[in-house]
Amino acid sequence: MARSHFNSLAFAAFVPLWLAFVPAQADEAPVAEEPVFDARLSGYAYPFEVHILALKSQRQDLEMAYMYLPGKEDAPTVVLLHGKNFNGAYWRQTAEFLASRGYGVLMPDQIGFGKSSKPVAYQYSFNQLAANTAVLMDALGIKKAVIVGHSMGGMLAARFALAYPERTRRLVLVNPIGLEDYLDYTTYPDISAAFEREKALTGADIVAYQRKNYYDGAWSDAYDALTIPLRGWINGPDSEQLAYVSALTYDMILTQPVIDDLERLAVPTTLIIGTRDRTGPNRANKRARVSRELGRYDRLGKDAASRIPDAQLIELDGLGHLPHIEDFGRFKDALLQALDAGQ
């Protein structure tokens, strides 16, 4: 049974209220304080009311956070699945747009992410997260939905469509990772090594990675705001727990590829690809004598579309890993094209 967890800041500005400034000397510019958050992002404002689903999974009592905007009667519901470095809140503009057109919109935080539970003794798999998402849909009476996944959420969306084709109206993949099998080209970093790497990350590291790989060196307040939860976790009381969970979910990305299963998709599918994207997980561990350049989305989108039966490919030249953030006008047109193709 789903229960409501009202966030009193839910309809406040998207950027959290902790963005205050430390007192400055008369001749010094103000310096922004770094965020601090616990494992459940307490105090971090989401754009819509947050609800909690009590979930029994792998012999554990867990909580799955989600936002839900019911649609007009008989209108389809769109499920928006977030990427690894994000949570459901970054879908705000997309959700508002879809809701304005009558769609229902469901934005879950997967177990291990956002405001949901962060178990460390948990077998993270895309099939498990897909099953959790199906349970959430059941609780809300959603029998069938358009499944939209971005980045890691694209891998999850593909697994959902493979496991539950009868519940998938249409599949939309937005710059999904997993369009190449990373361990074909890189060496495996075991979970302990990944944990140590995650523990050593700084806020500056997070910003530098996203700036280089997602935005081609550009940066803005909007991009910076998306790093706030990750930076807050680094500074918070649960940083080691979160680093370990991050290592477990990173392992899931490397060891559970979807690229070789795309040909089995039996639902209408659209790929929306920002072709400037160069995201390539585990690139730092490339095998000796491997010349392949990982993360070439200008090539990966075409290859993936050729594998998926009757796939629709919409390429957005000049955009990177987050087209729905970088240029929402172009993204919404592509999303409408994908949804209209499913009519």
C-alpha atoms as a PDB file:
ATOM      1  CA  MET A   1       0.000   0.000   0.000  1.00  0.00           C
ATOM      2  CA  ALA A   2       1.371   3.389  -0.944  1.00  0.00           C
ATOM      3  CA  ARG A   3       1.337   6.114   1.686  1.00  0.00           C
ATOM      4  CA  SER A   4       1.811   9.811   1.227  1.00  0.00           C
ATOM      5  CA  HIS A   5       4.898  11.516   2.568  1.00  0.00           C
ATOM      6  CA  PHE A   6       4.184  15.222   2.190  1.00  0.00           C
ATOM      7  CA  ASN A   7       7.183  17.364   1.448  1.00  0.00           C
ATOM      8  CA  SER A   8       6.378  20.885   2.620  1.00  0.00           C
ATOM      9  CA  LEU A   9       8.931  22.248   0.161  1.00  0.00           C
ATOM     10  CA  ALA A  10       7.558  20.296  -2.781  1.00  0.00           C
ATOM     11  CA  PHE A  11       6.202  23.265  -4.628  1.00  0.00           C
ATOM     12  CA  ALA A  12       9.043  25.596  -3.753  1.00  0.00           C
ATOM     13  CA  ALA A  13      11.846  26.388  -6.180  1.00  0.00           C
ATOM     14  CA  PHE A  14      13.685  23.337  -7.440  1.00  0.00           C
ATOM     15  CA  VAL A  15      16.991  24.419  -5.933  1.00  0.00           C
ATOM     16  CA  PRO A  16      16.954  23.511  -2.199  1.00  0.00           C
ATOM     17  CA  LEU A  17      16.702  26.132   0.518  1.00  0.00           C
ATOM     18  CA  TRP A  18      20.092  25.385   2.015  1.00  0.00           C
ATOM     19  CA  LEU A  19      21.728  27.533  -0.691  1.00  0.00           C
ATOM     20  CA  ALA A  20      22.743  30.264   1.730  1.00  0.00           C
ATOM     21  CA  PHE A  21      26.045  32.114   1.784  1.00  0.00           C
ATOM     22  CA  VAL A  22      28.630  32.250   4.515  1.00  0.00           C
ATOM     23  CA  PRO A  23      29.350  35.737   5.861  1.00  0.00           C
ATOM     24  CA  ALA A  24      31.867  37.531   3.651  1.00  0.00           C
ATOM     25  CA  GLN A  25      34.552  39.983   4.432  1.00  0.00           C
ATOM     26  CA  ALA A  26      33.948  43.470   3.079  1.00  0.00           C
ATOM     27  CA  ASP A  27      36.337  43.001   0.170  1.00  0.00           C
ATOM     28  CA  GLU A  28      35.544  39.329  -0.554  1.00  0.00           C
ATOM     29  CA  ALA A  29      32.907  37.762  -2.778  1.00  0.00           C
ATOM     30  CA  PRO A  30      30.419  35.479  -0.963  1.00  0.00           C
ATOM     31  CA  VAL A  31      31.332  31.782  -0.950  1.00  0.00           C
ATOM     32  CA  ALA A  32      28.531  29.220  -1.320  1.00  0.00           C
ATOM     33  CA  GLU A  33      28.364  26.547   1.358  1.00  0.00           C
ATOM     34  CA  GLU A  34      28.561  22.965   0.164  1.00  0.00           C
ATOM     35  CA  PRO A  35      25.368  20.910   0.649  1.00  0.00           C
ATOM     36  CA  VAL A  36      24.974  18.237   3.328  1.00  0.00           C
ATOM     37  CA  PHE A  37      22.356  15.484   3.035  1.00  0.00           C
ATOM     38  CA  ASP A  38      21.596  12.171   4.706  1.00  0.00           C
ATOM     39  CA  ALA A  39      20.934   8.986   2.759  1.00  0.00           C
ATOM     40  CA  ARG A  40      17.271   9.842   2.152  1.00  0.00           C
ATOM     41  CA  LEU A  41      17.913  13.425   0.976  1.00  0.00           C
ATOM     42  CA  SER A  42      16.021  14.891   3.918  1.00  0.00           C
ATOM     43  CA  GLY A  43      15.554  18.618   3.352  1.00  0.00           C
ATOM     44  CA  TYR A  44      16.124  18.418  -0.386  1.00  0.00           C
ATOM     45  CA  ALA A  45      13.039  19.743  -2.163  1.00  0.00           C
ATOM     46  CA  TYR A  46      11.414  17.744  -4.941  1.00  0.00           C
ATOM     47  CA  PRO A  47       9.153  19.578  -7.393  1.00  0.00           C
ATOM     48  CA  PHE A  48       6.002  17.565  -6.613  1.00  0.00           C
ATOM     49  CA  GLU A  49       4.544  15.824  -3.590  1.00  0.00           C
ATOM     50  CA  VAL A  50       6.628  12.799  -2.578  1.00  0.00           C
ATOM     51  CA  HIS A  51       4.893   9.530  -1.735  1.00  0.00           C
ATOM     52  CA  ILE A  52       6.345   6.346  -0.246  1.00  0.00           C
ATOM     53  CA  LEU A  53       5.587   2.766  -1.230  1.00  0.00           C
ATOM     54  CA  ALA A  54       6.325   0.206   1.487  1.00  0.00           C
ATOM     55  CA  LEU A  55       8.123  -2.540  -0.408  1.00  0.00           C
ATOM     56  CA  LYS A  56       9.050  -6.041   0.721  1.00  0.00           C
ATOM     57  CA  SER A  57      12.045  -7.105  -1.352  1.00  0.00           C
ATOM     58  CA  GLN A  58      14.796  -9.670  -0.772  1.00  0.00           C
ATOM     59  CA  ARG A  59      13.582 -10.278   2.803  1.00  0.00           C
ATOM     60  CA  GLN A  60      13.872  -6.576   3.616  1.00  0.00           C
ATOM     61  CA  ASP A  61      11.325  -3.904   4.439  1.00  0.00           C
ATOM     62  CA  LEU A  62      12.192  -1.063   2.076  1.00  0.00           C
ATOM     63  CA  GLU A  63      10.661   2.248   1.038  1.00  0.00           C
ATOM     64  CA  MET A  64      10.374   3.394  -2.555  1.00  0.00           C
ATOM     65  CA  ALA A  65       9.854   7.129  -3.032  1.00  0.00           C
ATOM     66  CA  TYR A  66       7.942   8.407  -6.026  1.00  0.00           C
ATOM     67  CA  MET A  67       6.037  11.355  -7.460  1.00  0.00           C
ATOM     68  CA  TYR A  68       2.794  10.789  -9.324  1.00  0.00           C
ATOM     69  CA  LEU A  69       0.663  13.162 -11.377  1.00  0.00           C
ATOM     70  CA  PRO A  70      -2.584  11.396 -12.340  1.00  0.00           C
ATOM     71  CA  GLY A  71      -3.662  11.986 -15.922  1.00  0.00           C
ATOM     72  CA  LYS A  72      -6.989  12.658 -17.503  1.00  0.00           C
ATOM     73  CA  GLU A  73      -9.436   9.779 -17.704  1.00  0.00           C
ATOM     74  CA  ASP A  74      -8.284   7.141 -20.201  1.00  0.00           C
ATOM     75  CA  ALA A  75      -5.055   9.058 -20.930  1.00  0.00           C
ATOM     76  CA  PRO A  76      -1.872   6.974 -20.963  1.00  0.00           C
ATOM     77  CA  THR A  77       0.586   7.128 -18.071  1.00  0.00           C
ATOM     78  CA  VAL A  78       4.251   7.839 -18.759  1.00  0.00           C
ATOM     79  CA  VAL A  79       6.797   6.312 -16.364  1.00  0.00           C
ATOM     80  CA  LEU A  80      10.015   8.364 -16.241  1.00  0.00           C
ATOM     81  CA  LEU A  81      13.086   6.391 -15.118  1.00  0.00           C
ATOM     82  CA  HIS A  82      16.112   8.339 -13.871  1.00  0.00           C
ATOM     83  CA  GLY A  83      19.823   7.826 -14.484  1.00  0.00           C
ATOM     84  CA  LYS A  84      22.461   6.702 -11.997  1.00  0.00           C
ATOM     85  CA  ASN A  85      23.700  10.158 -11.054  1.00  0.00           C
ATOM     86  CA  PHE A  86      20.194  11.582 -10.712  1.00  0.00           C
ATOM     87  CA  ASN A  87      16.772  11.097  -9.157  1.00  0.00           C
ATOM     88  CA  GLY A  88      13.177  11.592 -10.208  1.00  0.00           C
ATOM     89  CA  ALA A  89      13.271  15.334  -9.527  1.00  0.00           C
ATOM     90  CA  TYR A  90      15.201  16.164 -12.713  1.00  0.00           C
ATOM     91  CA  TRP A  91      12.129  15.157 -14.723  1.00  0.00           C
ATOM     92  CA  ARG A  92      10.207  18.233 -13.459  1.00  0.00           C
ATOM     93  CA  GLN A  93       9.947  20.081 -16.773  1.00  0.00           C
ATOM     94  CA  THR A  94       9.158  16.899 -18.698  1.00  0.00           C
ATOM     95  CA  ALA A  95       6.476  15.941 -16.173  1.00  0.00           C
ATOM     96  CA  GLU A  96       4.863  19.372 -16.268  1.00  0.00           C
ATOM     97  CA  PHE A  97       4.795  19.278 -20.064  1.00  0.00           C
ATOM     98  CA  LEU A  98       3.272  15.792 -20.197  1.00  0.00           C
ATOM     99  CA  ALA A  99       0.726  16.627 -17.507  1.00  0.00           C
ATOM    100  CA  SER A 100      -0.326  19.733 -19.445  1.00  0.00           C
ATOM    101  CA  ARG A 101      -1.223  17.417 -22.337  1.00  0.00           C
ATOM    102  CA  GLY A 102      -3.295  15.131 -20.128  1.00  0.00           C
ATOM    103  CA  TYR A 103      -0.822  12.303 -19.570  1.00  0.00           C
ATOM    104  CA  GLY A 104      -0.378  10.689 -16.191  1.00  0.00           C
ATOM    105  CA  VAL A 105       3.243  10.872 -15.041  1.00  0.00           C
ATOM    106  CA  LEU A 106       4.998   8.537 -12.601  1.00  0.00           C
ATOM    107  CA  MET A 107       8.532   9.368 -11.408  1.00  0.00           C
ATOM    108  CA  PRO A 108       9.975   6.717  -9.078  1.00  0.00           C
ATOM    109  CA  ASP A 109      13.257   6.882  -7.212  1.00  0.00           C
ATOM    110  CA  GLN A 110      14.640   3.386  -7.607  1.00  0.00           C
ATOM    111  CA  ILE A 111      15.800   1.495  -4.525  1.00  0.00           C
ATOM    112  CA  GLY A 112      19.341   2.719  -3.888  1.00  0.00           C
ATOM    113  CA  PHE A 113      18.670   6.194  -5.316  1.00  0.00           C
ATOM    114  CA  GLY A 114      17.140   9.537  -4.432  1.00  0.00           C
ATOM    115  CA  LYS A 115      14.801   9.493  -1.437  1.00  0.00           C
ATOM    116  CA  SER A 116      14.332   5.713  -1.507  1.00  0.00           C
ATOM    117  CA  SER A 117      15.937   3.152   0.807  1.00  0.00           C
ATOM    118  CA  LYS A 118      19.674   2.482   0.336  1.00  0.00           C
ATOM    119  CA  PRO A 119      20.251  -1.143   1.380  1.00  0.00           C
ATOM    120  CA  VAL A 120      23.848  -2.363   1.239  1.00  0.00           C
ATOM    121  CA  ALA A 121      22.938  -6.070   1.495  1.00  0.00           C
ATOM    122  CA  TYR A 122      20.894  -6.115  -1.696  1.00  0.00           C
ATOM    123  CA  GLN A 123      21.312  -7.747  -5.074  1.00  0.00           C
ATOM    124  CA  TYR A 124      20.957  -4.772  -7.385  1.00  0.00           C
ATOM    125  CA  SER A 125      19.860  -5.866 -10.822  1.00  0.00           C
ATOM    126  CA  PHE A 126      17.884  -4.264 -13.615  1.00  0.00           C
ATOM    127  CA  ASN A 127      15.375  -7.097 -13.434  1.00  0.00           C
ATOM    128  CA  GLN A 128      14.901  -6.476  -9.706  1.00  0.00           C
ATOM    129  CA  LEU A 129      14.424  -2.741 -10.216  1.00  0.00           C
ATOM    130  CA  ALA A 130      11.987  -3.494 -13.041  1.00  0.00           C
ATOM    131  CA  ALA A 131      10.040  -5.800 -10.723  1.00  0.00           C
ATOM    132  CA  ASN A 132       9.962  -3.068  -8.059  1.00  0.00           C
ATOM    133  CA  THR A 133       8.633  -0.632 -10.656  1.00  0.00           C
ATOM    134  CA  ALA A 134       5.922  -3.116 -11.646  1.00  0.00           C
ATOM    135  CA  VAL A 135       4.886  -3.427  -7.977  1.00  0.00           C
ATOM    136  CA  LEU A 136       4.623   0.360  -7.762  1.00  0.00           C
ATOM    137  CA  MET A 137       2.482   0.450 -10.905  1.00  0.00           C
ATOM    138  CA  ASP A 138       0.248  -2.231  -9.386  1.00  0.00           C
ATOM    139  CA  ALA A 139      -0.176  -0.166  -6.218  1.00  0.00           C
ATOM    140  CA  LEU A 140      -1.324   2.790  -8.307  1.00  0.00           C
ATOM    141  CA  GLY A 141      -3.569   0.735 -10.579  1.00  0.00           C
ATOM    142  CA  ILE A 142      -1.441   1.374 -13.686  1.00  0.00           C
ATOM    143  CA  LYS A 143      -1.810  -1.669 -15.910  1.00  0.00           C
ATOM    144  CA  LYS A 144       0.156  -0.408 -18.902  1.00  0.00           C
ATOM    145  CA  ALA A 145       2.392   2.622 -19.477  1.00  0.00           C
ATOM    146  CA  VAL A 146       4.786   4.372 -21.805  1.00  0.00           C
ATOM    147  CA  ILE A 147       8.219   3.624 -20.338  1.00  0.00           C
ATOM    148  CA  VAL A 148      10.804   6.395 -20.755  1.00  0.00           C
ATOM    149  CA  GLY A 149      14.350   5.863 -19.484  1.00  0.00           C
ATOM    150  CA  HIS A 150      17.377   8.143 -19.473  1.00  0.00           C
ATOM    151  CA  SER A 151      21.009   7.041 -19.059  1.00  0.00           C
ATOM    152  CA  MET A 152      21.040   4.108 -16.584  1.00  0.00           C
ATOM    153  CA  GLY A 153      17.261   4.442 -16.598  1.00  0.00           C
ATOM    154  CA  GLY A 154      17.436   3.495 -20.263  1.00  0.00           C
ATOM    155  CA  MET A 155      19.028   0.160 -19.352  1.00  0.00           C
ATOM    156  CA  LEU A 156      16.283  -0.317 -16.761  1.00  0.00           C
ATOM    157  CA  ALA A 157      13.558   0.696 -19.228  1.00  0.00           C
ATOM    158  CA  ALA A 158      14.825  -1.834 -21.771  1.00  0.00           C
ATOM    159  CA  ARG A 159      14.837  -4.579 -19.128  1.00  0.00           C
ATOM    160  CA  PHE A 160      11.322  -3.583 -18.062  1.00  0.00           C
ATOM    161  CA  ALA A 161      10.079  -3.815 -21.647  1.00  0.00           C
ATOM    162  CA  LEU A 162      11.755  -7.209 -22.079  1.00  0.00           C
ATOM    163  CA  ALA A 163      10.299  -8.557 -18.828  1.00  0.00           C
ATOM    164  CA  TYR A 164       6.870  -6.913 -19.098  1.00  0.00           C
ATOM    165  CA  PRO A 165       6.033  -6.339 -22.774  1.00  0.00           C
ATOM    166  CA  GLU A 166       2.338  -6.626 -21.975  1.00  0.00           C
ATOM    167  CA  ARG A 167       2.668  -3.637 -19.611  1.00  0.00           C
ATOM    168  CA  THR A 168       4.694  -1.466 -22.009  1.00  0.00           C
ATOM    169  CA  ARG A 169       2.735   0.737 -24.429  1.00  0.00           C
ATOM    170  CA  ARG A 170       5.889   2.161 -25.907  1.00  0.00           C
ATOM    171  CA  LEU A 171       9.563   2.299 -24.976  1.00  0.00           C
ATOM    172  CA  VAL A 172      11.482   5.577 -25.250  1.00  0.00           C
ATOM    173  CA  LEU A 173      15.234   5.522 -24.571  1.00  0.00           C
ATOM    174  CA  VAL A 174      16.895   8.900 -23.998  1.00  0.00           C
ATOM    175  CA  ASN A 175      20.689   8.706 -24.324  1.00  0.00           C
ATOM    176  CA  PRO A 176      20.710   5.337 -22.588  1.00  0.00           C
ATOM    177  CA  ILE A 177      23.963   3.876 -21.404  1.00  0.00           C
ATOM    178  CA  GLY A 178      24.506   0.204 -22.146  1.00  0.00           C
ATOM    179  CA  LEU A 179      24.549   0.631 -25.932  1.00  0.00           C
ATOM    180  CA  GLU A 180      27.912  -1.130 -25.823  1.00  0.00           C
ATOM    181  CA  ASP A 181      29.163  -3.910 -23.555  1.00  0.00           C
ATOM    182  CA  TYR A 182      31.744  -2.041 -21.503  1.00  0.00           C
ATOM    183  CA  LEU A 183      33.550  -5.159 -20.283  1.00  0.00           C
ATOM    184  CA  ASP A 184      34.306  -6.130 -23.879  1.00  0.00           C
ATOM    185  CA  TYR A 185      36.734  -3.192 -23.899  1.00  0.00           C
ATOM    186  CA  THR A 186      37.647  -2.567 -20.249  1.00  0.00           C
ATOM    187  CA  THR A 187      38.877  -4.534 -17.266  1.00  0.00           C
ATOM    188  CA  TYR A 188      36.490  -5.268 -14.413  1.00  0.00           C
ATOM    189  CA  PRO A 189      36.908  -3.155 -11.257  1.00  0.00           C
ATOM    190  CA  ASP A 190      35.700  -5.299  -8.374  1.00  0.00           C
ATOM    191  CA  ILE A 191      33.203  -3.825  -5.933  1.00  0.00           C
ATOM    192  CA  SER A 192      35.842  -3.138  -3.268  1.00  0.00           C
ATOM    193  CA  ALA A 193      37.918  -1.127  -5.734  1.00  0.00           C
ATOM    194  CA  ALA A 194      34.838   0.736  -6.941  1.00  0.00           C
ATOM    195  CA  PHE A 195      33.910   1.471  -3.315  1.00  0.00           C
ATOM    196  CA  GLU A 196      37.326   2.988  -2.620  1.00  0.00           C
ATOM    197  CA  ARG A 197      37.020   5.113  -5.752  1.00  0.00           C
ATOM    198  CA  GLU A 198      33.564   6.313  -4.745  1.00  0.00           C
ATOM    199  CA  LYS A 199      34.768   7.174  -1.231  1.00  0.00           C
ATOM    200  CA  ALA A 200      37.555   9.306  -2.658  1.00  0.00           C
ATOM    201  CA  LEU A 201      35.282  11.414  -4.876  1.00  0.00           C
ATOM    202  CA  THR A 202      34.966  15.117  -4.146  1.00  0.00           C
ATOM    203  CA  GLY A 203      32.330  17.599  -5.176  1.00  0.00           C
ATOM    204  CA  ALA A 204      34.819  19.066  -7.620  1.00  0.00           C
ATOM    205  CA  ASP A 205      35.305  15.607  -9.172  1.00  0.00           C
ATOM    206  CA  ILE A 206      31.558  15.253  -9.736  1.00  0.00           C
ATOM    207  CA  VAL A 207      31.301  18.654 -11.376  1.00  0.00           C
ATOM    208  CA  ALA A 208      34.393  18.033 -13.549  1.00  0.00           C
ATOM    209  CA  TYR A 209      33.092  14.652 -14.770  1.00  0.00           C
ATOM    210  CA  GLN A 210      29.655  15.930 -15.699  1.00  0.00           C
ATOM    211  CA  ARG A 211      31.000  19.104 -17.276  1.00  0.00           C
ATOM    212  CA  LYS A 212      33.372  17.151 -19.526  1.00  0.00           C
ATOM    213  CA  ASN A 213      31.221  14.164 -20.458  1.00  0.00           C
ATOM    214  CA  TYR A 214      27.690  15.551 -20.375  1.00  0.00           C
ATOM    215  CA  TYR A 215      28.011  19.161 -21.513  1.00  0.00           C
ATOM    216  CA  ASP A 216      31.219  19.334 -23.588  1.00  0.00           C
ATOM    217  CA  GLY A 217      32.855  21.768 -21.176  1.00  0.00           C
ATOM    218  CA  ALA A 218      29.869  24.095 -20.765  1.00  0.00           C
ATOM    219  CA  TRP A 219      28.418  24.783 -17.328  1.00  0.00           C
ATOM    220  CA  SER A 220      25.439  26.658 -15.896  1.00  0.00           C
ATOM    221  CA  ASP A 221      23.468  27.081 -12.685  1.00  0.00           C
ATOM    222  CA  ALA A 222      20.939  24.545 -13.990  1.00  0.00           C
ATOM    223  CA  TYR A 223      23.657  21.937 -14.576  1.00  0.00           C
ATOM    224  CA  ASP A 224      25.254  22.687 -11.224  1.00  0.00           C
ATOM    225  CA  ALA A 225      21.919  22.233  -9.428  1.00  0.00           C
ATOM    226  CA  LEU A 226      21.736  18.638 -10.644  1.00  0.00           C
ATOM    227  CA  THR A 227      24.983  17.800  -8.817  1.00  0.00           C
ATOM    228  CA  ILE A 228      23.672  19.054  -5.461  1.00  0.00           C
ATOM    229  CA  PRO A 229      22.351  15.683  -4.160  1.00  0.00           C
ATOM    230  CA  LEU A 230      25.587  13.858  -4.997  1.00  0.00           C
ATOM    231  CA  ARG A 231      27.737  16.577  -3.458  1.00  0.00           C
ATOM    232  CA  GLY A 232      25.508  16.652  -0.384  1.00  0.00           C
ATOM    233  CA  TRP A 233      25.882  12.912   0.090  1.00  0.00           C
ATOM    234  CA  ILE A 234      29.669  13.187   0.008  1.00  0.00           C
ATOM    235  CA  ASN A 235      29.496  15.699   2.867  1.00  0.00           C
ATOM    236  CA  GLY A 236      26.734  13.940   4.794  1.00  0.00           C
ATOM    237  CA  PRO A 237      26.650  11.438   7.673  1.00  0.00           C
ATOM    238  CA  ASP A 238      25.958   8.419   5.429  1.00  0.00           C
ATOM    239  CA  SER A 239      28.727   8.959   2.903  1.00  0.00           C
ATOM    240  CA  GLU A 240      30.326   5.497   3.248  1.00  0.00           C
ATOM    241  CA  GLN A 241      26.979   3.695   2.983  1.00  0.00           C
ATOM    242  CA  LEU A 242      26.155   5.677  -0.132  1.00  0.00           C
ATOM    243  CA  ALA A 243      29.576   5.081  -1.653  1.00  0.00           C
ATOM    244  CA  TYR A 244      29.087   1.338  -1.252  1.00  0.00           C
ATOM    245  CA  VAL A 245      25.594   1.424  -2.750  1.00  0.00           C
ATOM    246  CA  SER A 246      27.006   3.429  -5.655  1.00  0.00           C
ATOM    247  CA  ALA A 247      29.673   0.760  -6.178  1.00  0.00           C
ATOM    248  CA  LEU A 248      26.999  -1.952  -6.221  1.00  0.00           C
ATOM    249  CA  THR A 249      24.890  -0.133  -8.809  1.00  0.00           C
ATOM    250  CA  TYR A 250      27.981   0.634 -10.899  1.00  0.00           C
ATOM    251  CA  ASP A 251      28.707  -3.102 -10.916  1.00  0.00           C
ATOM    252  CA  MET A 252      25.153  -3.653 -12.195  1.00  0.00           C
ATOM    253  CA  ILE A 253      25.836  -1.377 -15.163  1.00  0.00           C
ATOM    254  CA  LEU A 254      29.052  -3.178 -16.105  1.00  0.00           C
ATOM    255  CA  THR A 255      27.934  -6.767 -15.584  1.00  0.00           C
ATOM    256  CA  GLN A 256      24.342  -6.637 -16.910  1.00  0.00           C
ATOM    257  CA  PRO A 257      24.613  -5.311 -20.483  1.00  0.00           C
ATOM    258  CA  VAL A 258      21.476  -4.875 -22.576  1.00  0.00           C
ATOM    259  CA  ILE A 259      22.971  -4.288 -26.017  1.00  0.00           C
ATOM    260  CA  ASP A 260      22.805  -7.940 -27.100  1.00  0.00           C
ATOM    261  CA  ASP A 261      19.160  -8.233 -25.998  1.00  0.00           C
ATOM    262  CA  LEU A 262      17.798  -5.233 -27.893  1.00  0.00           C
ATOM    263  CA  GLU A 263      16.839  -7.422 -30.863  1.00  0.00           C
ATOM    264  CA  ARG A 264      14.351  -9.213 -28.569  1.00  0.00           C
ATOM    265  CA  LEU A 265      12.356  -6.063 -27.836  1.00  0.00           C
ATOM    266  CA  ALA A 266       8.756  -6.666 -28.894  1.00  0.00           C
ATOM    267  CA  VAL A 267       7.291  -3.224 -28.183  1.00  0.00           C
ATOM    268  CA  PRO A 268       7.356  -0.020 -30.278  1.00  0.00           C
ATOM    269  CA  THR A 269      10.654   1.678 -29.464  1.00  0.00           C
ATOM    270  CA  THR A 270      12.110   5.139 -30.003  1.00  0.00           C
ATOM    271  CA  LEU A 271      15.704   6.200 -29.359  1.00  0.00           C
ATOM    272  CA  ILE A 272      16.230   9.908 -28.647  1.00  0.00           C
ATOM    273  CA  ILE A 273      19.967  10.528 -28.919  1.00  0.00           C
ATOM    274  CA  GLY A 274      21.972  13.655 -28.244  1.00  0.00           C
ATOM    275  CA  THR A 275      24.812  12.880 -30.623  1.00  0.00           C
ATOM    276  CA  ARG A 276      27.454  14.953 -28.807  1.00  0.00           C
ATOM    277  CA  ASP A 277      27.253  12.637 -25.779  1.00  0.00           C
ATOM    278  CA  ARG A 278      30.512  10.869 -24.919  1.00  0.00           C
ATOM    279  CA  THR A 279      29.488   9.008 -21.743  1.00  0.00           C
ATOM    280  CA  GLY A 280      31.524   5.800 -21.438  1.00  0.00           C
ATOM    281  CA  PRO A 281      31.421   4.041 -18.040  1.00  0.00           C
ATOM    282  CA  ASN A 282      34.703   2.428 -16.958  1.00  0.00           C
ATOM    283  CA  ARG A 283      36.640   4.237 -19.696  1.00  0.00           C
ATOM    284  CA  ALA A 284      39.568   4.683 -17.294  1.00  0.00           C
ATOM    285  CA  ASN A 285      40.062   0.881 -17.229  1.00  0.00           C
ATOM    286  CA  LYS A 286      40.283   0.350 -20.981  1.00  0.00           C
ATOM    287  CA  ARG A 287      42.170  -2.822 -21.901  1.00  0.00           C
ATOM    288  CA  ALA A 288      45.622  -2.577 -23.422  1.00  0.00           C
ATOM    289  CA  ARG A 289      45.632  -2.383 -27.213  1.00  0.00           C
ATOM    290  CA  VAL A 290      41.901  -1.546 -27.358  1.00  0.00           C
ATOM    291  CA  SER A 291      41.476   1.308 -29.816  1.00  0.00           C
ATOM    292  CA  ARG A 292      37.689   1.665 -29.580  1.00  0.00           C
ATOM    293  CA  GLU A 293      36.484   5.063 -28.397  1.00  0.00           C
ATOM    294  CA  LEU A 294      33.735   4.471 -25.860  1.00  0.00           C
ATOM    295  CA  GLY A 295      30.668   6.649 -25.690  1.00  0.00           C
ATOM    296  CA  ARG A 296      30.389   7.712 -29.334  1.00  0.00           C
ATOM    297  CA  TYR A 297      26.652   8.304 -29.319  1.00  0.00           C
ATOM    298  CA  ASP A 298      26.774   9.627 -32.877  1.00  0.00           C
ATOM    299  CA  ARG A 299      27.498   5.990 -33.778  1.00  0.00           C
ATOM    300  CA  LEU A 300      25.854   4.095 -30.918  1.00  0.00           C
ATOM    301  CA  GLY A 301      22.365   5.391 -31.614  1.00  0.00           C
ATOM    302  CA  LYS A 302      22.436   4.164 -35.198  1.00  0.00           C
ATOM    303  CA  ASP A 303      23.838   0.779 -34.187  1.00  0.00           C
ATOM    304  CA  ALA A 304      21.213   0.308 -31.459  1.00  0.00           C
ATOM    305  CA  ALA A 305      18.389   1.333 -33.779  1.00  0.00           C
ATOM    306  CA  SER A 306      19.553  -1.242 -36.329  1.00  0.00           C
ATOM    307  CA  ARG A 307      19.251  -3.979 -33.699  1.00  0.00           C
ATOM    308  CA  ILE A 308      15.750  -3.107 -32.463  1.00  0.00           C
ATOM    309  CA  PRO A 309      12.889  -4.273 -34.674  1.00  0.00           C
ATOM    310  CA  ASP A 310      11.234  -1.292 -36.398  1.00  0.00           C
ATOM    311  CA  ALA A 311      12.937   1.210 -34.092  1.00  0.00           C
ATOM    312  CA  GLN A 312      12.518   4.951 -34.536  1.00  0.00           C
ATOM    313  CA  LEU A 313      15.742   6.960 -34.173  1.00  0.00           C
ATOM    314  CA  ILE A 314      15.608  10.683 -33.420  1.00  0.00           C
ATOM    315  CA  GLU A 315      19.068  12.264 -33.345  1.00  0.00           C
ATOM    316  CA  LEU A 316      19.558  15.663 -31.724  1.00  0.00           C
ATOM    317  CA  ASP A 317      22.775  17.046 -33.180  1.00  0.00           C
ATOM    318  CA  GLY A 318      24.799  19.251 -30.876  1.00  0.00           C
ATOM    319  CA  LEU A 319      23.188  17.983 -27.669  1.00  0.00           C
ATOM    320  CA  GLY A 320      24.825  15.744 -25.081  1.00  0.00           C
ATOM    321  CA  HIS A 321      23.854  13.274 -22.395  1.00  0.00           C
ATOM    322  CA  LEU A 322      20.873  15.187 -20.981  1.00  0.00           C
ATOM    323  CA  PRO A 323      18.866  16.610 -23.870  1.00  0.00           C
ATOM    324  CA  HIS A 324      15.828  17.141 -21.608  1.00  0.00           C
ATOM    325  CA  ILE A 325      17.950  19.487 -19.473  1.00  0.00           C
ATOM    326  CA  GLU A 326      20.222  21.024 -22.083  1.00  0.00           C
ATOM    327  CA  ASP A 327      17.540  22.059 -24.598  1.00  0.00           C
ATOM    328  CA  PHE A 328      14.026  21.205 -23.459  1.00  0.00           C
ATOM    329  CA  GLY A 329      12.428  22.776 -26.527  1.00  0.00           C
ATOM    330  CA  ARG A 330      14.145  20.356 -28.886  1.00  0.00           C
ATOM    331  CA  PHE A 331      13.676  17.452 -26.497  1.00  0.00           C
ATOM    332  CA  LYS A 332       9.927  17.946 -26.086  1.00  0.00           C
ATOM    333  CA  ASP A 333       9.487  18.001 -29.849  1.00  0.00           C
ATOM    334  CA  ALA A 334      11.353  14.689 -30.082  1.00  0.00           C
ATOM    335  CA  LEU A 335       9.332  13.232 -27.192  1.00  0.00           C
ATOM    336  CA  LEU A 336       6.067  14.260 -28.847  1.00  0.00           C
ATOM    337  CA  GLN A 337       7.246  12.658 -32.069  1.00  0.00           C
ATOM    338  CA  ALA A 338       7.924   9.439 -30.162  1.00  0.00           C
ATOM    339  CA  LEU A 339       4.559   9.503 -28.401  1.00  0.00           C
ATOM    340  CA  ASP A 340       2.669  10.341 -31.568  1.00  0.00           C
ATOM    341  CA  ALA A 341       4.335   7.401 -33.308  1.00  0.00           C
ATOM    342  CA  GLY A 342       2.741   5.169 -30.698  1.00  0.00           C
ATOM    343  CA  GLN A 343      -0.815   6.365 -31.420  1.00  0.00           C
END
